[in-house]
Amino acid sequence: MKNLNKNNNEFITDPFEIMNPDIRWVPGPGQNDLFQSAYEKFLPPLVHKIRKTVKKWRDKDYKGASKTSKALLNFWFNREHWIKKEGQKIKFQYYFAQREAIEAIFEPKK
């Protein structure tokens, strides 16, 4: 697993960009060891596994989903949506964590 912080050039600053499950944010450059120890103790054991499974499923265009589920997922995440805010149209997107949570609900369980 790769740890990133705001001083790293790979640090993701866009809340809409999907973060690879193997990349984790850490508070500062000198705190990687402390973060890794805390991460392993406090992260529920299945979270990383679920995120990796969802990523693989997303990368395969939601293979195994029903037609209705696939249509909903593609509508929500693969089309542009616009909302009115203060008289202007602005683009709407789900934050990546919201998207992952929704996809995890739909992902076929084995």
C-alpha atoms as a PDB file:
ATOM      1  CA  MET A   1       0.000   0.000   0.000  1.00  0.00           C
ATOM      2  CA  LYS A   2       1.313   3.441  -0.938  1.00  0.00           C
ATOM      3  CA  ASN A   3       0.965   6.397   1.445  1.00  0.00           C
ATOM      4  CA  LEU A   4       0.676   9.942   0.100  1.00  0.00           C
ATOM      5  CA  ASN A   5       0.585  13.363   1.735  1.00  0.00           C
ATOM      6  CA  LYS A   6       0.068  16.883   0.442  1.00  0.00           C
ATOM      7  CA  ASN A   7       3.827  17.277  -0.219  1.00  0.00           C
ATOM      8  CA  ASN A   8       3.804  14.377  -2.693  1.00  0.00           C
ATOM      9  CA  ASN A   9       3.277  15.214  -6.389  1.00  0.00           C
ATOM     10  CA  GLU A  10       0.870  12.264  -6.730  1.00  0.00           C
ATOM     11  CA  PHE A  11      -1.428  13.613  -4.002  1.00  0.00           C
ATOM     12  CA  ILE A  12      -5.012  13.756  -5.257  1.00  0.00           C
ATOM     13  CA  THR A  13      -6.644  17.115  -4.610  1.00  0.00           C
ATOM     14  CA  ASP A  14      -9.806  16.546  -6.647  1.00  0.00           C
ATOM     15  CA  PRO A  15     -12.562  15.084  -4.409  1.00  0.00           C
ATOM     16  CA  PHE A  16     -14.300  13.689  -7.494  1.00  0.00           C
ATOM     17  CA  GLU A  17     -11.310  11.710  -8.780  1.00  0.00           C
ATOM     18  CA  ILE A  18     -11.496   8.029  -7.913  1.00  0.00           C
ATOM     19  CA  MET A  19      -8.649   7.089  -5.610  1.00  0.00           C
ATOM     20  CA  ASN A  20      -6.945   3.762  -6.156  1.00  0.00           C
ATOM     21  CA  PRO A  21      -7.664   1.526  -3.137  1.00  0.00           C
ATOM     22  CA  ASP A  22      -3.932   0.858  -2.760  1.00  0.00           C
ATOM     23  CA  ILE A  23      -3.188   4.546  -2.117  1.00  0.00           C
ATOM     24  CA  ARG A  24      -3.826   6.050   1.317  1.00  0.00           C
ATOM     25  CA  TRP A  25      -3.576   9.651   2.487  1.00  0.00           C
ATOM     26  CA  VAL A  26      -1.328  10.411   5.474  1.00  0.00           C
ATOM     27  CA  PRO A  27      -1.184  13.700   7.407  1.00  0.00           C
ATOM     28  CA  GLY A  28       2.507  14.535   6.960  1.00  0.00           C
ATOM     29  CA  PRO A  29       5.773  13.251   5.483  1.00  0.00           C
ATOM     30  CA  GLY A  30       7.227  12.111   8.821  1.00  0.00           C
ATOM     31  CA  GLN A  31       4.105  10.295   9.959  1.00  0.00           C
ATOM     32  CA  ASN A  32       4.039   7.310   7.582  1.00  0.00           C
ATOM     33  CA  ASP A  33       5.015   4.737  10.236  1.00  0.00           C
ATOM     34  CA  LEU A  34       2.568   6.123  12.785  1.00  0.00           C
ATOM     35  CA  PHE A  35      -0.166   6.268  10.170  1.00  0.00           C
ATOM     36  CA  GLN A  36       0.469   2.697   8.974  1.00  0.00           C
ATOM     37  CA  SER A  37       0.260   1.384  12.536  1.00  0.00           C
ATOM     38  CA  ALA A  38      -2.985   3.254  13.217  1.00  0.00           C
ATOM     39  CA  TYR A  39      -4.410   2.341   9.814  1.00  0.00           C
ATOM     40  CA  GLU A  40      -3.898  -1.368  10.426  1.00  0.00           C
ATOM     41  CA  LYS A  41      -5.453  -1.134  13.904  1.00  0.00           C
ATOM     42  CA  PHE A  42      -8.477   1.007  13.150  1.00  0.00           C
ATOM     43  CA  LEU A  43      -9.571   0.240   9.592  1.00  0.00           C
ATOM     44  CA  PRO A  44     -12.264  -2.424   9.545  1.00  0.00           C
ATOM     45  CA  PRO A  45     -10.629  -5.484   7.930  1.00  0.00           C
ATOM     46  CA  LEU A  46     -12.957  -5.726   4.957  1.00  0.00           C
ATOM     47  CA  VAL A  47     -12.829  -2.084   3.819  1.00  0.00           C
ATOM     48  CA  HIS A  48      -9.677  -2.438   1.706  1.00  0.00           C
ATOM     49  CA  LYS A  49     -10.917  -5.726   0.228  1.00  0.00           C
ATOM     50  CA  ILE A  50     -14.315  -4.191  -0.650  1.00  0.00           C
ATOM     51  CA  ARG A  51     -12.684  -1.145  -2.276  1.00  0.00           C
ATOM     52  CA  LYS A  52     -10.415  -3.362  -4.414  1.00  0.00           C
ATOM     53  CA  THR A  53     -13.347  -5.598  -5.424  1.00  0.00           C
ATOM     54  CA  VAL A  54     -15.463  -2.574  -6.379  1.00  0.00           C
ATOM     55  CA  LYS A  55     -12.596  -1.092  -8.437  1.00  0.00           C
ATOM     56  CA  LYS A  56     -12.151  -4.329 -10.390  1.00  0.00           C
ATOM     57  CA  TRP A  57     -15.907  -4.521 -10.977  1.00  0.00           C
ATOM     58  CA  ARG A  58     -16.057  -0.876 -12.129  1.00  0.00           C
ATOM     59  CA  ASP A  59     -13.082  -1.437 -14.455  1.00  0.00           C
ATOM     60  CA  LYS A  60     -15.015  -4.321 -16.058  1.00  0.00           C
ATOM     61  CA  ASP A  61     -18.021  -2.060 -16.772  1.00  0.00           C
ATOM     62  CA  TYR A  62     -20.092  -3.510 -13.925  1.00  0.00           C
ATOM     63  CA  LYS A  63     -19.971  -7.053 -15.318  1.00  0.00           C
ATOM     64  CA  GLY A  64     -22.663  -9.253 -13.746  1.00  0.00           C
ATOM     65  CA  ALA A  65     -24.983  -6.397 -12.802  1.00  0.00           C
ATOM     66  CA  SER A  66     -28.586  -6.540 -13.943  1.00  0.00           C
ATOM     67  CA  LYS A  67     -29.555  -4.349 -16.893  1.00  0.00           C
ATOM     68  CA  THR A  68     -31.413  -2.022 -14.545  1.00  0.00           C
ATOM     69  CA  SER A  69     -28.483  -1.734 -12.112  1.00  0.00           C
ATOM     70  CA  LYS A  70     -26.019  -1.158 -14.946  1.00  0.00           C
ATOM     71  CA  ALA A  71     -28.295   1.506 -16.453  1.00  0.00           C
ATOM     72  CA  LEU A  72     -28.554   3.312 -13.106  1.00  0.00           C
ATOM     73  CA  LEU A  73     -24.817   3.165 -12.401  1.00  0.00           C
ATOM     74  CA  ASN A  74     -23.960   4.427 -15.881  1.00  0.00           C
ATOM     75  CA  PHE A  75     -26.579   7.181 -15.611  1.00  0.00           C
ATOM     76  CA  TRP A  76     -25.246   8.355 -12.255  1.00  0.00           C
ATOM     77  CA  PHE A  77     -21.526   8.099 -12.933  1.00  0.00           C
ATOM     78  CA  ASN A  78     -20.891   8.132 -16.684  1.00  0.00           C
ATOM     79  CA  ARG A  79     -23.100  11.023 -17.770  1.00  0.00           C
ATOM     80  CA  GLU A  80     -22.843  14.716 -17.114  1.00  0.00           C
ATOM     81  CA  HIS A  81     -25.424  16.191 -14.765  1.00  0.00           C
ATOM     82  CA  TRP A  82     -26.167  19.883 -14.360  1.00  0.00           C
ATOM     83  CA  ILE A  83     -27.944  21.632 -11.505  1.00  0.00           C
ATOM     84  CA  LYS A  84     -29.011  25.221 -11.021  1.00  0.00           C
ATOM     85  CA  LYS A  85     -27.306  27.104  -8.232  1.00  0.00           C
ATOM     86  CA  GLU A  86     -27.826  30.799  -7.679  1.00  0.00           C
ATOM     87  CA  GLY A  87     -29.230  31.164 -11.181  1.00  0.00           C
ATOM     88  CA  GLN A  88     -26.308  29.420 -12.876  1.00  0.00           C
ATOM     89  CA  LYS A  89     -25.923  25.905 -14.204  1.00  0.00           C
ATOM     90  CA  ILE A  90     -23.098  24.000 -12.566  1.00  0.00           C
ATOM     91  CA  LYS A  91     -21.855  20.486 -13.143  1.00  0.00           C
ATOM     92  CA  PHE A  92     -22.871  17.957 -10.497  1.00  0.00           C
ATOM     93  CA  GLN A  93     -20.645  15.012  -9.582  1.00  0.00           C
ATOM     94  CA  TYR A  94     -20.574  12.547  -6.741  1.00  0.00           C
ATOM     95  CA  TYR A  95     -17.485  12.600  -4.531  1.00  0.00           C
ATOM     96  CA  PHE A  96     -15.401   9.472  -5.114  1.00  0.00           C
ATOM     97  CA  ALA A  97     -16.261   8.038  -1.676  1.00  0.00           C
ATOM     98  CA  GLN A  98     -19.981   8.490  -2.374  1.00  0.00           C
ATOM     99  CA  ARG A  99     -19.567   6.730  -5.706  1.00  0.00           C
ATOM    100  CA  GLU A 100     -17.659   3.843  -4.134  1.00  0.00           C
ATOM    101  CA  ALA A 101     -20.312   3.434  -1.438  1.00  0.00           C
ATOM    102  CA  ILE A 102     -23.110   3.263  -4.018  1.00  0.00           C
ATOM    103  CA  GLU A 103     -21.146   0.860  -6.217  1.00  0.00           C
ATOM    104  CA  ALA A 104     -20.410  -1.358  -3.198  1.00  0.00           C
ATOM    105  CA  ILE A 105     -24.152  -1.743  -2.613  1.00  0.00           C
ATOM    106  CA  PHE A 106     -24.725  -2.808  -6.232  1.00  0.00           C
ATOM    107  CA  GLU A 107     -21.618  -5.005  -6.661  1.00  0.00           C
ATOM    108  CA  PRO A 108     -22.658  -8.683  -7.000  1.00  0.00           C
ATOM    109  CA  LYS A 109     -21.632 -10.584  -3.883  1.00  0.00           C
ATOM    110  CA  LYS A 110     -20.068 -14.031  -4.128  1.00  0.00           C
END
